[in-house]
Amino acid sequence: MSVVEQYARAHVVTDSPEAPDAVPVILRYDSDADPRSVRVGLPGPHEWAFSRDLLEEGLHAPAGLGDVRIWPCGRVQAVMEFHSARGVDVVQIESKTLIRFLRRTYLAGAGGARRVS
């Protein structure tokens, strides 16, 4: 079993003054469960599963599929947007954190050692 978990902090993008500035996020990959997908856990019971390729594409250009959208924001950040029946969650996270996570997933699971930059 090859499981990769990485904890990170993301900034909530909102106009609400009550929203926290930064929230903990967990990035998770389990090659036995599905070697083609990753999971992003936000605070509470909010976890999103989507294609590992979508995450990689979204680091370079706007990408989206279904309820998940990812795009680069400047040279060092990426934005992740998650749509659900209860609304939209938008977080900004450092690109290098996502790149490091992706590299670890390719080393750990099916798909071989792919170059992620």
C-alpha atoms as a PDB file:
ATOM      1  CA  MET A   1       0.000   0.000   0.000  1.00  0.00           C
ATOM      2  CA  SER A   2       1.370   3.417  -0.983  1.00  0.00           C
ATOM      3  CA  VAL A   3      -0.275   6.286   0.839  1.00  0.00           C
ATOM      4  CA  VAL A   4       1.010   9.847   0.709  1.00  0.00           C
ATOM      5  CA  GLU A   5      -0.354  12.432   3.108  1.00  0.00           C
ATOM      6  CA  GLN A   6       0.811  15.993   3.275  1.00  0.00           C
ATOM      7  CA  TYR A   7      -0.468  18.662   5.618  1.00  0.00           C
ATOM      8  CA  ALA A   8      -0.519  22.263   4.458  1.00  0.00           C
ATOM      9  CA  ARG A   9      -2.112  25.631   5.113  1.00  0.00           C
ATOM     10  CA  ALA A  10      -4.310  27.382   2.621  1.00  0.00           C
ATOM     11  CA  HIS A  11      -5.736  30.878   2.616  1.00  0.00           C
ATOM     12  CA  VAL A  12      -9.493  31.186   2.334  1.00  0.00           C
ATOM     13  CA  VAL A  13     -10.585  33.515  -0.454  1.00  0.00           C
ATOM     14  CA  THR A  14     -13.678  35.331   0.802  1.00  0.00           C
ATOM     15  CA  ASP A  15     -15.110  38.745   1.436  1.00  0.00           C
ATOM     16  CA  SER A  16     -16.462  37.709   4.850  1.00  0.00           C
ATOM     17  CA  PRO A  17     -14.688  39.389   7.786  1.00  0.00           C
ATOM     18  CA  GLU A  18     -15.466  36.376  10.012  1.00  0.00           C
ATOM     19  CA  ALA A  19     -13.658  33.835   7.832  1.00  0.00           C
ATOM     20  CA  PRO A  20     -10.281  32.565   9.029  1.00  0.00           C
ATOM     21  CA  ASP A  21      -7.243  33.832   7.159  1.00  0.00           C
ATOM     22  CA  ALA A  22      -5.653  30.390   6.861  1.00  0.00           C
ATOM     23  CA  VAL A  23      -7.021  26.873   7.281  1.00  0.00           C
ATOM     24  CA  PRO A  24      -5.367  23.473   7.573  1.00  0.00           C
ATOM     25  CA  VAL A  25      -5.591  21.293   4.484  1.00  0.00           C
ATOM     26  CA  ILE A  26      -4.669  17.654   4.013  1.00  0.00           C
ATOM     27  CA  LEU A  27      -3.517  16.370   0.641  1.00  0.00           C
ATOM     28  CA  ARG A  28      -3.911  12.610   0.299  1.00  0.00           C
ATOM     29  CA  TYR A  29      -3.033   9.990  -2.287  1.00  0.00           C
ATOM     30  CA  ASP A  30      -3.675   6.247  -2.011  1.00  0.00           C
ATOM     31  CA  SER A  31      -2.362   4.223  -4.955  1.00  0.00           C
ATOM     32  CA  ASP A  32      -4.280   1.122  -3.854  1.00  0.00           C
ATOM     33  CA  ALA A  33      -7.632   2.929  -3.697  1.00  0.00           C
ATOM     34  CA  ASP A  34      -7.221   4.811  -6.992  1.00  0.00           C
ATOM     35  CA  PRO A  35      -3.824   5.518  -8.556  1.00  0.00           C
ATOM     36  CA  ARG A  36      -5.277   8.260 -10.765  1.00  0.00           C
ATOM     37  CA  SER A  37      -6.855  10.464  -8.100  1.00  0.00           C
ATOM     38  CA  VAL A  38      -5.920  12.676  -5.178  1.00  0.00           C
ATOM     39  CA  ARG A  39      -7.980  13.976  -2.264  1.00  0.00           C
ATOM     40  CA  VAL A  40      -8.031  17.399  -0.661  1.00  0.00           C
ATOM     41  CA  GLY A  41      -9.489  17.659   2.817  1.00  0.00           C
ATOM     42  CA  LEU A  42     -10.703  21.008   4.093  1.00  0.00           C
ATOM     43  CA  PRO A  43     -11.761  21.687   7.696  1.00  0.00           C
ATOM     44  CA  GLY A  44     -14.831  19.740   8.759  1.00  0.00           C
ATOM     45  CA  PRO A  45     -16.205  16.865   6.712  1.00  0.00           C
ATOM     46  CA  HIS A  46     -15.263  18.459   3.408  1.00  0.00           C
ATOM     47  CA  GLU A  47     -13.089  16.218   1.253  1.00  0.00           C
ATOM     48  CA  TRP A  48     -12.764  16.427  -2.499  1.00  0.00           C
ATOM     49  CA  ALA A  49     -11.489  13.662  -4.787  1.00  0.00           C
ATOM     50  CA  PHE A  50     -10.364  14.479  -8.298  1.00  0.00           C
ATOM     51  CA  SER A  51      -7.883  13.507 -10.979  1.00  0.00           C
ATOM     52  CA  ARG A  52      -4.197  13.817 -10.200  1.00  0.00           C
ATOM     53  CA  ASP A  53      -3.808  15.064 -13.791  1.00  0.00           C
ATOM     54  CA  LEU A  54      -6.276  17.891 -13.065  1.00  0.00           C
ATOM     55  CA  LEU A  55      -4.139  19.036 -10.157  1.00  0.00           C
ATOM     56  CA  GLU A  56      -1.024  19.024 -12.298  1.00  0.00           C
ATOM     57  CA  GLU A  57      -2.734  20.819 -15.204  1.00  0.00           C
ATOM     58  CA  GLY A  58      -4.140  23.467 -12.871  1.00  0.00           C
ATOM     59  CA  LEU A  59      -0.654  24.445 -11.752  1.00  0.00           C
ATOM     60  CA  HIS A  60       0.150  25.613 -15.298  1.00  0.00           C
ATOM     61  CA  ALA A  61      -3.162  26.855 -16.724  1.00  0.00           C
ATOM     62  CA  PRO A  62      -6.809  27.066 -15.676  1.00  0.00           C
ATOM     63  CA  ALA A  63      -8.280  23.566 -15.477  1.00  0.00           C
ATOM     64  CA  GLY A  64     -11.528  22.158 -14.231  1.00  0.00           C
ATOM     65  CA  LEU A  65     -13.731  19.119 -14.242  1.00  0.00           C
ATOM     66  CA  GLY A  66     -17.095  18.766 -12.565  1.00  0.00           C
ATOM     67  CA  ASP A  67     -17.147  20.596  -9.249  1.00  0.00           C
ATOM     68  CA  VAL A  68     -13.404  21.301  -9.063  1.00  0.00           C
ATOM     69  CA  ARG A  69     -11.468  24.155 -10.668  1.00  0.00           C
ATOM     70  CA  ILE A  70      -7.748  24.881 -10.258  1.00  0.00           C
ATOM     71  CA  TRP A  71      -5.633  27.652 -11.729  1.00  0.00           C
ATOM     72  CA  PRO A  72      -2.273  29.334 -11.162  1.00  0.00           C
ATOM     73  CA  CYS A  73      -2.317  32.649  -9.328  1.00  0.00           C
ATOM     74  CA  GLY A  74       0.923  34.449  -9.999  1.00  0.00           C
ATOM     75  CA  ARG A  75       4.191  32.544  -9.884  1.00  0.00           C
ATOM     76  CA  VAL A  76       3.940  31.039  -6.404  1.00  0.00           C
ATOM     77  CA  GLN A  77       0.273  30.373  -5.675  1.00  0.00           C
ATOM     78  CA  ALA A  78      -2.580  28.248  -7.011  1.00  0.00           C
ATOM     79  CA  VAL A  79      -6.293  28.645  -6.437  1.00  0.00           C
ATOM     80  CA  MET A  80      -8.576  25.684  -5.823  1.00  0.00           C
ATOM     81  CA  GLU A  81     -12.330  26.159  -6.150  1.00  0.00           C
ATOM     82  CA  PHE A  82     -14.774  23.504  -4.941  1.00  0.00           C
ATOM     83  CA  HIS A  83     -18.498  23.654  -5.748  1.00  0.00           C
ATOM     84  CA  SER A  84     -21.153  21.853  -3.704  1.00  0.00           C
ATOM     85  CA  ALA A  85     -24.850  22.141  -2.850  1.00  0.00           C
ATOM     86  CA  ARG A  86     -23.920  24.268   0.175  1.00  0.00           C
ATOM     87  CA  GLY A  87     -21.891  26.775  -1.853  1.00  0.00           C
ATOM     88  CA  VAL A  88     -18.386  27.361  -3.144  1.00  0.00           C
ATOM     89  CA  ASP A  89     -15.133  26.974  -1.213  1.00  0.00           C
ATOM     90  CA  VAL A  90     -12.145  28.839  -2.642  1.00  0.00           C
ATOM     91  CA  VAL A  91      -8.661  28.457  -1.204  1.00  0.00           C
ATOM     92  CA  GLN A  92      -5.239  29.691  -2.255  1.00  0.00           C
ATOM     93  CA  ILE A  93      -2.229  27.467  -1.622  1.00  0.00           C
ATOM     94  CA  GLU A  94       1.469  27.635  -2.436  1.00  0.00           C
ATOM     95  CA  SER A  95       2.273  25.965  -5.743  1.00  0.00           C
ATOM     96  CA  LYS A  96       5.485  24.474  -4.350  1.00  0.00           C
ATOM     97  CA  THR A  97       3.416  22.596  -1.751  1.00  0.00           C
ATOM     98  CA  LEU A  98       1.275  21.053  -4.493  1.00  0.00           C
ATOM     99  CA  ILE A  99       4.314  20.275  -6.660  1.00  0.00           C
ATOM    100  CA  ARG A 100       6.045  18.551  -3.743  1.00  0.00           C
ATOM    101  CA  PHE A 101       2.893  16.514  -3.075  1.00  0.00           C
ATOM    102  CA  LEU A 102       2.557  15.501  -6.736  1.00  0.00           C
ATOM    103  CA  ARG A 103       6.197  14.413  -6.895  1.00  0.00           C
ATOM    104  CA  ARG A 104       5.677  12.219  -3.844  1.00  0.00           C
ATOM    105  CA  THR A 105       2.571  10.624  -5.429  1.00  0.00           C
ATOM    106  CA  TYR A 106       4.462   9.710  -8.594  1.00  0.00           C
ATOM    107  CA  LEU A 107       7.267   8.176  -6.549  1.00  0.00           C
ATOM    108  CA  ALA A 108       4.845   6.237  -4.354  1.00  0.00           C
ATOM    109  CA  GLY A 109       2.335   4.858  -6.788  1.00  0.00           C
ATOM    110  CA  ALA A 110       1.439   3.695 -10.210  1.00  0.00           C
ATOM    111  CA  GLY A 111       2.334   6.090 -12.966  1.00  0.00           C
ATOM    112  CA  GLY A 112       6.075   5.998 -12.580  1.00  0.00           C
ATOM    113  CA  ALA A 113       8.398   8.871 -11.905  1.00  0.00           C
ATOM    114  CA  ARG A 114       6.794  11.684 -13.862  1.00  0.00           C
ATOM    115  CA  ARG A 115       8.395  15.110 -13.997  1.00  0.00           C
ATOM    116  CA  VAL A 116       6.302  17.727 -12.222  1.00  0.00           C
ATOM    117  CA  SER A 117       7.298  21.386 -12.404  1.00  0.00           C
END
